[in-house]
C-alpha atoms as a PDB file:
ATOM      1  CA  UNK A   1       0.000   0.000   0.000  1.00  0.00           C
ATOM      2  CA  UNK A   2       1.398   3.392  -0.983  1.00  0.00           C
ATOM      3  CA  UNK A   3       1.678   6.122   1.611  1.00  0.00           C
ATOM      4  CA  UNK A   4       0.303   9.651   1.224  1.00  0.00           C
ATOM      5  CA  UNK A   5       3.620  11.114   0.105  1.00  0.00           C
ATOM      6  CA  UNK A   6       3.997   8.510  -2.632  1.00  0.00           C
ATOM      7  CA  UNK A   7       0.454   9.088  -3.892  1.00  0.00           C
ATOM      8  CA  UNK A   8       1.036  12.837  -4.027  1.00  0.00           C
ATOM      9  CA  UNK A   9       4.237  12.283  -5.989  1.00  0.00           C
ATOM     10  CA  UNK A  10       2.353  10.156  -8.530  1.00  0.00           C
ATOM     11  CA  UNK A  11      -0.042  13.045  -9.120  1.00  0.00           C
ATOM     12  CA  UNK A  12       2.832  15.494  -9.554  1.00  0.00           C
ATOM     13  CA  UNK A  13       4.656  13.180 -11.963  1.00  0.00           C
ATOM     14  CA  UNK A  14       1.481  12.725 -14.019  1.00  0.00           C
ATOM     15  CA  UNK A  15       0.848  16.437 -14.347  1.00  0.00           C
ATOM     16  CA  UNK A  16       4.487  17.130 -15.135  1.00  0.00           C
ATOM     17  CA  UNK A  17       4.591  14.463 -17.859  1.00  0.00           C
ATOM     18  CA  UNK A  18       1.382  15.715 -19.450  1.00  0.00           C
ATOM     19  CA  UNK A  19       2.474  19.357 -19.307  1.00  0.00           C
ATOM     20  CA  UNK A  20       5.785  18.480 -20.962  1.00  0.00           C
ATOM     21  CA  UNK A  21       3.923  16.607 -23.681  1.00  0.00           C
ATOM     22  CA  UNK A  22       1.701  19.625 -24.304  1.00  0.00           C
ATOM     23  CA  UNK A  23       4.733  21.870 -24.568  1.00  0.00           C
ATOM     24  CA  UNK A  24       6.268  19.538 -27.131  1.00  0.00           C
ATOM     25  CA  UNK A  25       3.184  19.954 -29.346  1.00  0.00           C
ATOM     26  CA  UNK A  26       4.314  23.478 -30.218  1.00  0.00           C
ATOM     27  CA  UNK A  27       7.312  21.971 -31.991  1.00  0.00           C
ATOM     28  CA  UNK A  28       5.045  19.679 -34.011  1.00  0.00           C
ATOM     29  CA  UNK A  29       2.885  22.456 -35.415  1.00  0.00           C
ATOM     30  CA  UNK A  30       3.343  23.041 -39.142  1.00  0.00           C
ATOM     31  CA  UNK A  31       1.721  25.358 -41.707  1.00  0.00           C
ATOM     32  CA  UNK A  32      -0.881  22.611 -42.009  1.00  0.00           C
ATOM     33  CA  UNK A  33      -2.521  23.971 -38.830  1.00  0.00           C
ATOM     34  CA  UNK A  34      -3.145  27.341 -40.507  1.00  0.00           C
ATOM     35  CA  UNK A  35      -4.359  25.603 -43.661  1.00  0.00           C
ATOM     36  CA  UNK A  36      -6.873  23.587 -41.631  1.00  0.00           C
ATOM     37  CA  UNK A  37      -8.118  26.757 -39.951  1.00  0.00           C
ATOM     38  CA  UNK A  38      -8.621  28.449 -43.318  1.00  0.00           C
ATOM     39  CA  UNK A  39     -10.338  25.373 -44.764  1.00  0.00           C
ATOM     40  CA  UNK A  40     -12.886  25.441 -41.930  1.00  0.00           C
ATOM     41  CA  UNK A  41     -13.407  29.195 -42.267  1.00  0.00           C
ATOM     42  CA  UNK A  42     -13.924  28.941 -46.019  1.00  0.00           C
ATOM     43  CA  UNK A  43     -16.195  25.897 -45.833  1.00  0.00           C
ATOM     44  CA  UNK A  44     -19.899  26.381 -46.484  1.00  0.00           C
ATOM     45  CA  UNK A  45     -20.628  23.323 -44.379  1.00  0.00           C
ATOM     46  CA  UNK A  46     -20.006  22.223 -40.818  1.00  0.00           C
ATOM     47  CA  UNK A  47     -17.192  20.483 -38.985  1.00  0.00           C
ATOM     48  CA  UNK A  48     -17.864  16.791 -38.394  1.00  0.00           C
ATOM     49  CA  UNK A  49     -15.624  15.280 -35.717  1.00  0.00           C
ATOM     50  CA  UNK A  50     -15.258  11.508 -35.493  1.00  0.00           C
ATOM     51  CA  UNK A  51     -13.283   8.954 -33.528  1.00  0.00           C
ATOM     52  CA  UNK A  52     -13.587   5.806 -31.468  1.00  0.00           C
ATOM     53  CA  UNK A  53     -12.861   4.881 -27.842  1.00  0.00           C
ATOM     54  CA  UNK A  54     -11.332   7.627 -25.703  1.00  0.00           C
ATOM     55  CA  UNK A  55     -10.670   9.682 -28.830  1.00  0.00           C
ATOM     56  CA  UNK A  56     -14.424   9.758 -29.419  1.00  0.00           C
ATOM     57  CA  UNK A  57     -14.945  11.341 -26.010  1.00  0.00           C
ATOM     58  CA  UNK A  58     -12.333  13.975 -26.801  1.00  0.00           C
ATOM     59  CA  UNK A  59     -14.085  14.552 -30.118  1.00  0.00           C
ATOM     60  CA  UNK A  60     -17.352  15.301 -28.338  1.00  0.00           C
ATOM     61  CA  UNK A  61     -15.609  17.897 -26.199  1.00  0.00           C
ATOM     62  CA  UNK A  62     -14.081  19.543 -29.267  1.00  0.00           C
ATOM     63  CA  UNK A  63     -17.505  19.663 -30.933  1.00  0.00           C
ATOM     64  CA  UNK A  64     -18.986  21.308 -27.843  1.00  0.00           C
ATOM     65  CA  UNK A  65     -16.241  23.943 -27.873  1.00  0.00           C
ATOM     66  CA  UNK A  66     -16.682  24.613 -31.589  1.00  0.00           C
ATOM     67  CA  UNK A  67     -20.450  24.969 -31.336  1.00  0.00           C
ATOM     68  CA  UNK A  68     -20.224  27.359 -28.404  1.00  0.00           C
ATOM     69  CA  UNK A  69     -17.739  29.606 -30.190  1.00  0.00           C
ATOM     70  CA  UNK A  70     -19.317  30.070 -33.592  1.00  0.00           C
ATOM     71  CA  UNK A  71     -18.166  27.011 -35.571  1.00  0.00           C
ATOM     72  CA  UNK A  72     -21.175  24.760 -36.338  1.00  0.00           C
ATOM     73  CA  UNK A  73     -20.131  21.187 -35.582  1.00  0.00           C
ATOM     74  CA  UNK A  74     -21.449  17.724 -34.865  1.00  0.00           C
ATOM     75  CA  UNK A  75     -20.007  14.470 -33.572  1.00  0.00           C
ATOM     76  CA  UNK A  76     -20.182  11.182 -35.457  1.00  0.00           C
ATOM     77  CA  UNK A  77     -18.951   8.000 -33.773  1.00  0.00           C
ATOM     78  CA  UNK A  78     -16.660   6.116 -36.137  1.00  0.00           C
ATOM     79  CA  UNK A  79     -18.263   2.746 -35.391  1.00  0.00           C
ATOM     80  CA  UNK A  80     -21.764   4.073 -35.999  1.00  0.00           C
ATOM     81  CA  UNK A  81     -20.667   5.923 -39.137  1.00  0.00           C
ATOM     82  CA  UNK A  82     -20.060   2.711 -41.060  1.00  0.00           C
ATOM     83  CA  UNK A  83     -23.471   1.439 -39.991  1.00  0.00           C
ATOM     84  CA  UNK A  84     -25.587   4.320 -41.243  1.00  0.00           C
ATOM     85  CA  UNK A  85     -24.519   7.500 -39.452  1.00  0.00           C
ATOM     86  CA  UNK A  86     -22.281   8.487 -42.370  1.00  0.00           C
ATOM     87  CA  UNK A  87     -25.409  10.176 -43.719  1.00  0.00           C
ATOM     88  CA  UNK A  88     -24.698  12.954 -41.216  1.00  0.00           C
ATOM     89  CA  UNK A  89     -21.816  14.135 -43.401  1.00  0.00           C
ATOM     90  CA  UNK A  90     -22.900  16.616 -46.042  1.00  0.00           C
ATOM     91  CA  UNK A  91     -21.061  17.621 -49.192  1.00  0.00           C
ATOM     92  CA  UNK A  92     -19.351  20.776 -47.905  1.00  0.00           C
ATOM     93  CA  UNK A  93     -18.489  19.503 -44.408  1.00  0.00           C
ATOM     94  CA  UNK A  94     -14.915  19.295 -43.148  1.00  0.00           C
ATOM     95  CA  UNK A  95     -14.278  16.034 -41.306  1.00  0.00           C
ATOM     96  CA  UNK A  96     -11.829  15.775 -38.405  1.00  0.00           C
ATOM     97  CA  UNK A  97     -10.866  12.221 -37.497  1.00  0.00           C
ATOM     98  CA  UNK A  98      -9.135  11.637 -34.139  1.00  0.00           C
ATOM     99  CA  UNK A  99      -7.149   8.464 -33.507  1.00  0.00           C
ATOM    100  CA  UNK A 100      -3.960   7.851 -31.534  1.00  0.00           C
ATOM    101  CA  UNK A 101      -2.871   4.863 -33.640  1.00  0.00           C
ATOM    102  CA  UNK A 102      -4.605   5.921 -36.852  1.00  0.00           C
ATOM    103  CA  UNK A 103      -4.931   2.241 -37.710  1.00  0.00           C
ATOM    104  CA  UNK A 104      -8.033   0.981 -35.904  1.00  0.00           C
ATOM    105  CA  UNK A 105     -10.358  -1.100 -38.123  1.00  0.00           C
ATOM    106  CA  UNK A 106     -13.205   1.397 -37.827  1.00  0.00           C
ATOM    107  CA  UNK A 107     -10.956   4.257 -38.963  1.00  0.00           C
ATOM    108  CA  UNK A 108      -9.623   2.256 -41.896  1.00  0.00           C
ATOM    109  CA  UNK A 109     -13.180   1.466 -42.949  1.00  0.00           C
ATOM    110  CA  UNK A 110     -14.422   5.033 -42.536  1.00  0.00           C
ATOM    111  CA  UNK A 111     -11.640   7.042 -44.176  1.00  0.00           C
ATOM    112  CA  UNK A 112     -12.216   5.794 -47.765  1.00  0.00           C
ATOM    113  CA  UNK A 113     -15.922   6.564 -47.447  1.00  0.00           C
ATOM    114  CA  UNK A 114     -15.213  10.133 -46.379  1.00  0.00           C
ATOM    115  CA  UNK A 115     -12.769  10.632 -49.233  1.00  0.00           C
ATOM    116  CA  UNK A 116     -15.259   9.145 -51.687  1.00  0.00           C
ATOM    117  CA  UNK A 117     -17.739  11.785 -50.612  1.00  0.00           C
ATOM    118  CA  UNK A 118     -15.266  14.512 -51.571  1.00  0.00           C
ATOM    119  CA  UNK A 119     -14.923  15.943 -48.070  1.00  0.00           C
ATOM    120  CA  UNK A 120     -11.746  17.504 -46.725  1.00  0.00           C
ATOM    121  CA  UNK A 121     -10.273  15.148 -44.118  1.00  0.00           C
ATOM    122  CA  UNK A 122      -8.208  16.310 -41.152  1.00  0.00           C
ATOM    123  CA  UNK A 123      -6.369  13.636 -39.196  1.00  0.00           C
ATOM    124  CA  UNK A 124      -5.422  14.200 -35.560  1.00  0.00           C
ATOM    125  CA  UNK A 125      -3.126  11.314 -34.744  1.00  0.00           C
ATOM    126  CA  UNK A 126      -0.087  10.258 -32.784  1.00  0.00           C
ATOM    127  CA  UNK A 127       1.202   8.021 -35.565  1.00  0.00           C
ATOM    128  CA  UNK A 128       2.435   9.776 -38.695  1.00  0.00           C
ATOM    129  CA  UNK A 129       2.966   6.436 -40.423  1.00  0.00           C
ATOM    130  CA  UNK A 130      -0.630   5.323 -39.910  1.00  0.00           C
ATOM    131  CA  UNK A 131      -3.406   4.708 -42.412  1.00  0.00           C
ATOM    132  CA  UNK A 132      -5.177   7.869 -41.212  1.00  0.00           C
ATOM    133  CA  UNK A 133      -2.081  10.033 -41.636  1.00  0.00           C
ATOM    134  CA  UNK A 134      -1.355   8.687 -45.108  1.00  0.00           C
ATOM    135  CA  UNK A 135      -4.870   9.337 -46.397  1.00  0.00           C
ATOM    136  CA  UNK A 136      -5.752  12.679 -44.737  1.00  0.00           C
ATOM    137  CA  UNK A 137      -5.589  15.968 -46.580  1.00  0.00           C
ATOM    138  CA  UNK A 138      -4.204  17.648 -43.438  1.00  0.00           C
ATOM    139  CA  UNK A 139      -2.448  16.244 -40.370  1.00  0.00           C
ATOM    140  CA  UNK A 140      -2.190  17.510 -36.806  1.00  0.00           C
ATOM    141  CA  UNK A 141       0.550  15.601 -35.002  1.00  0.00           C
ATOM    142  CA  UNK A 142      -0.318  14.700 -31.397  1.00  0.00           C
ATOM    143  CA  UNK A 143       2.491  12.213 -30.848  1.00  0.00           C
ATOM    144  CA  UNK A 144       3.486  11.810 -27.179  1.00  0.00           C
ATOM    145  CA  UNK A 145       6.563  10.112 -25.736  1.00  0.00           C
ATOM    146  CA  UNK A 146       4.565   7.966 -23.323  1.00  0.00           C
ATOM    147  CA  UNK A 147       1.255   7.681 -21.544  1.00  0.00           C
ATOM    148  CA  UNK A 148       1.005   8.769 -17.923  1.00  0.00           C
ATOM    149  CA  UNK A 149      -0.384   5.322 -17.193  1.00  0.00           C
ATOM    150  CA  UNK A 150       2.389   3.287 -15.445  1.00  0.00           C
ATOM    151  CA  UNK A 151       1.835   0.503 -17.994  1.00  0.00           C
ATOM    152  CA  UNK A 152       1.985   3.005 -20.869  1.00  0.00           C
ATOM    153  CA  UNK A 153      -1.377   1.679 -22.040  1.00  0.00           C
ATOM    154  CA  UNK A 154      -4.372   3.730 -20.819  1.00  0.00           C
ATOM    155  CA  UNK A 155      -4.917   6.846 -22.979  1.00  0.00           C
ATOM    156  CA  UNK A 156      -3.923   9.707 -20.697  1.00  0.00           C
ATOM    157  CA  UNK A 157      -1.175  11.902 -22.092  1.00  0.00           C
ATOM    158  CA  UNK A 158      -2.334  11.189 -25.643  1.00  0.00           C
ATOM    159  CA  UNK A 159      -5.936  12.249 -25.015  1.00  0.00           C
ATOM    160  CA  UNK A 160      -4.706  15.388 -23.237  1.00  0.00           C
ATOM    161  CA  UNK A 161      -2.693  16.217 -26.350  1.00  0.00           C
ATOM    162  CA  UNK A 162      -5.714  15.630 -28.589  1.00  0.00           C
ATOM    163  CA  UNK A 163      -7.919  17.902 -26.504  1.00  0.00           C
ATOM    164  CA  UNK A 164      -5.283  20.635 -26.351  1.00  0.00           C
ATOM    165  CA  UNK A 165      -4.870  20.532 -30.139  1.00  0.00           C
ATOM    166  CA  UNK A 166      -8.627  20.855 -30.500  1.00  0.00           C
ATOM    167  CA  UNK A 167      -8.592  23.844 -28.161  1.00  0.00           C
ATOM    168  CA  UNK A 168      -5.797  25.460 -30.183  1.00  0.00           C
ATOM    169  CA  UNK A 169      -7.874  25.059 -33.333  1.00  0.00           C
ATOM    170  CA  UNK A 170     -10.976  26.456 -31.629  1.00  0.00           C
ATOM    171  CA  UNK A 171      -9.101  29.512 -30.360  1.00  0.00           C
ATOM    172  CA  UNK A 172      -7.613  30.161 -33.792  1.00  0.00           C
ATOM    173  CA  UNK A 173     -11.125  30.079 -35.256  1.00  0.00           C
ATOM    174  CA  UNK A 174     -12.417  32.391 -32.517  1.00  0.00           C
ATOM    175  CA  UNK A 175      -9.794  34.989 -33.328  1.00  0.00           C
ATOM    176  CA  UNK A 176     -10.233  34.647 -37.078  1.00  0.00           C
ATOM    177  CA  UNK A 177     -13.981  35.158 -36.717  1.00  0.00           C
ATOM    178  CA  UNK A 178     -13.487  38.039 -34.253  1.00  0.00           C
ATOM    179  CA  UNK A 179     -15.924  36.222 -31.984  1.00  0.00           C
ATOM    180  CA  UNK A 180     -16.836  38.634 -29.150  1.00  0.00           C
ATOM    181  CA  UNK A 181     -18.341  38.205 -25.687  1.00  0.00           C
ATOM    182  CA  UNK A 182     -21.761  39.315 -26.954  1.00  0.00           C
ATOM    183  CA  UNK A 183     -21.598  36.536 -29.546  1.00  0.00           C
ATOM    184  CA  UNK A 184     -20.579  34.094 -26.831  1.00  0.00           C
ATOM    185  CA  UNK A 185     -23.600  35.105 -24.760  1.00  0.00           C
ATOM    186  CA  UNK A 186     -26.001  33.961 -27.497  1.00  0.00           C
ATOM    187  CA  UNK A 187     -24.765  30.392 -27.115  1.00  0.00           C
ATOM    188  CA  UNK A 188     -24.501  30.401 -23.304  1.00  0.00           C
ATOM    189  CA  UNK A 189     -27.792  31.767 -21.961  1.00  0.00           C
ATOM    190  CA  UNK A 190     -27.816  29.379 -18.997  1.00  0.00           C
ATOM    191  CA  UNK A 191     -25.582  28.788 -16.008  1.00  0.00           C
ATOM    192  CA  UNK A 192     -23.171  31.117 -14.270  1.00  0.00           C
ATOM    193  CA  UNK A 193     -21.272  31.798 -17.482  1.00  0.00           C
ATOM    194  CA  UNK A 194     -24.348  32.997 -19.304  1.00  0.00           C
ATOM    195  CA  UNK A 195     -25.413  35.109 -16.355  1.00  0.00           C
ATOM    196  CA  UNK A 196     -22.123  36.960 -16.427  1.00  0.00           C
ATOM    197  CA  UNK A 197     -22.748  37.859 -20.037  1.00  0.00           C
ATOM    198  CA  UNK A 198     -26.392  38.936 -20.060  1.00  0.00           C
ATOM    199  CA  UNK A 199     -27.920  39.159 -16.556  1.00  0.00           C
ATOM    200  CA  UNK A 200     -28.684  42.744 -15.545  1.00  0.00           C
ATOM    201  CA  UNK A 201     -29.190  44.244 -12.112  1.00  0.00           C
ATOM    202  CA  UNK A 202     -32.856  44.680 -12.946  1.00  0.00           C
ATOM    203  CA  UNK A 203     -33.130  40.927 -13.581  1.00  0.00           C
ATOM    204  CA  UNK A 204     -31.719  40.216 -10.131  1.00  0.00           C
ATOM    205  CA  UNK A 205     -33.784  42.869  -8.348  1.00  0.00           C
ATOM    206  CA  UNK A 206     -37.173  41.879  -9.771  1.00  0.00           C
ATOM    207  CA  UNK A 207     -37.548  39.143  -7.153  1.00  0.00           C
ATOM    208  CA  UNK A 208     -37.272  41.681  -4.313  1.00  0.00           C
ATOM    209  CA  UNK A 209     -39.766  44.139  -2.908  1.00  0.00           C
ATOM    210  CA  UNK A 210     -38.503  47.645  -2.212  1.00  0.00           C
ATOM    211  CA  UNK A 211     -38.527  48.220   1.578  1.00  0.00           C
ATOM    212  CA  UNK A 212     -39.110  51.920   2.155  1.00  0.00           C
ATOM    213  CA  UNK A 213     -40.218  54.472   4.718  1.00  0.00           C
ATOM    214  CA  UNK A 214     -40.956  58.177   4.658  1.00  0.00           C
ATOM    215  CA  UNK A 215     -38.206  60.529   5.719  1.00  0.00           C
ATOM    216  CA  UNK A 216     -40.078  61.408   8.945  1.00  0.00           C
ATOM    217  CA  UNK A 217     -40.872  57.785   9.869  1.00  0.00           C
ATOM    218  CA  UNK A 218     -40.174  56.929  13.518  1.00  0.00           C
ATOM    219  CA  UNK A 219     -37.666  54.299  14.539  1.00  0.00           C
ATOM    220  CA  UNK A 220     -40.210  51.486  15.215  1.00  0.00           C
ATOM    221  CA  UNK A 221     -41.688  51.962  11.735  1.00  0.00           C
ATOM    222  CA  UNK A 222     -38.202  51.760  10.205  1.00  0.00           C
ATOM    223  CA  UNK A 223     -37.457  48.526  12.053  1.00  0.00           C
ATOM    224  CA  UNK A 224     -40.774  46.965  10.993  1.00  0.00           C
ATOM    225  CA  UNK A 225     -40.222  47.933   7.326  1.00  0.00           C
ATOM    226  CA  UNK A 226     -36.682  46.545   7.412  1.00  0.00           C
ATOM    227  CA  UNK A 227     -37.887  43.282   8.931  1.00  0.00           C
ATOM    228  CA  UNK A 228     -40.690  42.843   6.388  1.00  0.00           C
ATOM    229  CA  UNK A 229     -38.371  43.580   3.488  1.00  0.00           C
ATOM    230  CA  UNK A 230     -35.881  40.920   4.637  1.00  0.00           C
ATOM    231  CA  UNK A 231     -33.085  42.873   2.982  1.00  0.00           C
ATOM    232  CA  UNK A 232     -31.307  44.117   6.084  1.00  0.00           C
ATOM    233  CA  UNK A 233     -32.015  47.654   4.899  1.00  0.00           C
ATOM    234  CA  UNK A 234     -34.788  50.121   4.154  1.00  0.00           C
ATOM    235  CA  UNK A 235     -34.841  53.063   1.722  1.00  0.00           C
ATOM    236  CA  UNK A 236     -35.801  56.514   2.936  1.00  0.00           C
ATOM    237  CA  UNK A 237     -38.137  58.284   0.511  1.00  0.00           C
ATOM    238  CA  UNK A 238     -39.416  61.859   0.217  1.00  0.00           C
ATOM    239  CA  UNK A 239     -41.781  62.932  -2.576  1.00  0.00           C
ATOM    240  CA  UNK A 240     -41.016  59.651  -4.403  1.00  0.00           C
ATOM    241  CA  UNK A 241     -37.343  60.522  -4.465  1.00  0.00           C
ATOM    242  CA  UNK A 242     -34.504  58.609  -2.791  1.00  0.00           C
ATOM    243  CA  UNK A 243     -33.047  60.462   0.180  1.00  0.00           C
ATOM    244  CA  UNK A 244     -31.080  57.787   1.998  1.00  0.00           C
ATOM    245  CA  UNK A 245     -30.741  54.223   3.200  1.00  0.00           C
ATOM    246  CA  UNK A 246     -30.868  52.714   6.668  1.00  0.00           C
ATOM    247  CA  UNK A 247     -29.070  49.399   7.102  1.00  0.00           C
ATOM    248  CA  UNK A 248     -29.059  47.080  10.091  1.00  0.00           C
ATOM    249  CA  UNK A 249     -25.523  48.316  10.661  1.00  0.00           C
ATOM    250  CA  UNK A 250     -26.781  51.882  10.905  1.00  0.00           C
ATOM    251  CA  UNK A 251     -29.267  50.773  13.563  1.00  0.00           C
ATOM    252  CA  UNK A 252     -26.603  48.998  15.595  1.00  0.00           C
ATOM    253  CA  UNK A 253     -24.289  51.978  15.499  1.00  0.00           C
ATOM    254  CA  UNK A 254     -27.115  54.329  16.503  1.00  0.00           C
ATOM    255  CA  UNK A 255     -28.136  52.131  19.433  1.00  0.00           C
ATOM    256  CA  UNK A 256     -24.520  51.904  20.582  1.00  0.00           C
ATOM    257  CA  UNK A 257     -24.192  55.714  20.702  1.00  0.00           C
ATOM    258  CA  UNK A 258     -27.566  56.742  22.110  1.00  0.00           C
ATOM    259  CA  UNK A 259     -29.653  55.483  25.018  1.00  0.00           C
ATOM    260  CA  UNK A 260     -32.702  57.703  24.395  1.00  0.00           C
ATOM    261  CA  UNK A 261     -33.982  56.773  20.948  1.00  0.00           C
ATOM    262  CA  UNK A 262     -37.678  57.487  21.352  1.00  0.00           C
ATOM    263  CA  UNK A 263     -37.642  60.618  19.186  1.00  0.00           C
ATOM    264  CA  UNK A 264     -35.373  59.309  16.424  1.00  0.00           C
ATOM    265  CA  UNK A 265     -36.762  59.315  12.878  1.00  0.00           C
ATOM    266  CA  UNK A 266     -35.498  57.988   9.548  1.00  0.00           C
ATOM    267  CA  UNK A 267     -33.730  61.187   8.547  1.00  0.00           C
ATOM    268  CA  UNK A 268     -31.655  61.131  11.744  1.00  0.00           C
ATOM    269  CA  UNK A 269     -30.533  57.532  11.236  1.00  0.00           C
ATOM    270  CA  UNK A 270     -30.079  57.216   7.476  1.00  0.00           C
ATOM    271  CA  UNK A 271     -26.986  57.430   5.338  1.00  0.00           C
ATOM    272  CA  UNK A 272     -27.909  60.277   2.968  1.00  0.00           C
ATOM    273  CA  UNK A 273     -27.395  60.288  -0.801  1.00  0.00           C
ATOM    274  CA  UNK A 274     -26.472  56.618  -1.130  1.00  0.00           C
ATOM    275  CA  UNK A 275     -24.656  55.423  -4.238  1.00  0.00           C
ATOM    276  CA  UNK A 276     -26.914  53.917  -6.889  1.00  0.00           C
ATOM    277  CA  UNK A 277     -26.687  51.999 -10.163  1.00  0.00           C
ATOM    278  CA  UNK A 278     -28.950  52.014 -13.201  1.00  0.00           C
ATOM    279  CA  UNK A 279     -31.120  48.906 -13.637  1.00  0.00           C
ATOM    280  CA  UNK A 280     -29.864  48.078 -17.112  1.00  0.00           C
ATOM    281  CA  UNK A 281     -26.197  47.535 -16.286  1.00  0.00           C
ATOM    282  CA  UNK A 282     -24.809  44.010 -16.104  1.00  0.00           C
ATOM    283  CA  UNK A 283     -24.944  42.241 -12.774  1.00  0.00           C
ATOM    284  CA  UNK A 284     -21.193  41.652 -12.994  1.00  0.00           C
ATOM    285  CA  UNK A 285     -20.748  45.420 -12.850  1.00  0.00           C
ATOM    286  CA  UNK A 286     -22.816  45.356  -9.671  1.00  0.00           C
ATOM    287  CA  UNK A 287     -20.421  42.798  -8.185  1.00  0.00           C
ATOM    288  CA  UNK A 288     -17.508  45.131  -8.864  1.00  0.00           C
ATOM    289  CA  UNK A 289     -19.540  48.028  -7.404  1.00  0.00           C
ATOM    290  CA  UNK A 290     -20.141  46.174  -4.128  1.00  0.00           C
ATOM    291  CA  UNK A 291     -16.503  45.168  -3.816  1.00  0.00           C
ATOM    292  CA  UNK A 292     -15.225  48.647  -4.617  1.00  0.00           C
ATOM    293  CA  UNK A 293     -17.414  50.433  -2.056  1.00  0.00           C
ATOM    294  CA  UNK A 294     -17.440  47.585   0.505  1.00  0.00           C
ATOM    295  CA  UNK A 295     -21.218  47.616   0.844  1.00  0.00           C
ATOM    296  CA  UNK A 296     -23.902  44.911   0.998  1.00  0.00           C
ATOM    297  CA  UNK A 297     -26.667  46.597  -0.989  1.00  0.00           C
ATOM    298  CA  UNK A 298     -27.121  48.035  -4.454  1.00  0.00           C
ATOM    299  CA  UNK A 299     -29.918  50.540  -4.940  1.00  0.00           C
ATOM    300  CA  UNK A 300     -31.249  50.756  -8.481  1.00  0.00           C
ATOM    301  CA  UNK A 301     -32.427  54.212  -9.425  1.00  0.00           C
ATOM    302  CA  UNK A 302     -32.969  56.563 -12.335  1.00  0.00           C
ATOM    303  CA  UNK A 303     -33.549  60.302 -12.116  1.00  0.00           C
ATOM    304  CA  UNK A 304     -33.524  60.036  -8.332  1.00  0.00           C
ATOM    305  CA  UNK A 305     -36.383  57.527  -8.202  1.00  0.00           C
ATOM    306  CA  UNK A 306     -35.674  54.139  -6.534  1.00  0.00           C
ATOM    307  CA  UNK A 307     -36.498  51.167  -8.764  1.00  0.00           C
ATOM    308  CA  UNK A 308     -35.105  48.235  -6.838  1.00  0.00           C
ATOM    309  CA  UNK A 309     -32.748  46.889  -4.201  1.00  0.00           C
ATOM    310  CA  UNK A 310     -30.233  44.054  -4.375  1.00  0.00           C
ATOM    311  CA  UNK A 311     -28.507  42.382  -1.445  1.00  0.00           C
ATOM    312  CA  UNK A 312     -25.083  40.808  -1.846  1.00  0.00           C
ATOM    313  CA  UNK A 313     -26.700  37.430  -1.102  1.00  0.00           C
ATOM    314  CA  UNK A 314     -28.759  37.800  -4.298  1.00  0.00           C
ATOM    315  CA  UNK A 315     -25.551  37.949  -6.337  1.00  0.00           C
ATOM    316  CA  UNK A 316     -24.119  34.981  -4.455  1.00  0.00           C
ATOM    317  CA  UNK A 317     -27.258  32.940  -5.221  1.00  0.00           C
ATOM    318  CA  UNK A 318     -26.855  33.761  -8.904  1.00  0.00           C
ATOM    319  CA  UNK A 319     -23.332  32.361  -8.800  1.00  0.00           C
ATOM    320  CA  UNK A 320     -21.730  35.706  -9.596  1.00  0.00           C
ATOM    321  CA  UNK A 321     -19.679  35.918  -6.407  1.00  0.00           C
END
């Protein structure tokens, strides 16, 4: 049984071997990489990625990256392709075939069919003497010195190299297309990533009521309004305009300084002229606003009129902090 130190060293050795293999890929890049990028950009079709085994899983990841960054793509399993799924490949599609050995039976059966259809074939392989390499129009070399597996058998370093090469191709396409964050947002409307790109402060605030009191409201009324609002704060309003904010911190500080609080009203307790943000700005800008001013609330307002309140916990729940 290995001890903790030995197990930790195995992890370090694995990461070091894989990082060295990735670094060596830069020396294997040829003008073919740029030619592949241009072929995809100039194609009127899609990118069809295929492979078998672990390479198929890597292919699915590459397809997901392409689709999310403006390059229409689909995945076709090499084994299924020769049993009917080849119909997925259309005339103008560029096909990327991923295979470490480049000689698996499924690949050797599939490659001639792709070429017969007149499609451009890109081979991502770790064997430049393979069937795939010899019959591809373009080659991306992902040869690695050894697998991280102690038996040099389980695809580890090789699949890391394949995925990294796919990422390099995706990034090249992103830059060539001048794909911007607003474009990215169209394909990522859900999850924390999408929220960072499109969620506004108004979207976050719509779930909250606006706790408020008049400027002459007595202390008990302020406390009741704050409690009902469940925001830890209450806005102070005069003639529909925002005059200040009272937070639970303001109440604690007031109680610590004064023993006779019977005559206190909202104006005497509030922080006047609080900082505000417009409802339409991105929620990520609100995160920066809270951090910059070291506050827990964002008041949304336009032309002096309060339109909403956000607590820092709202941003945490949205996964933005």
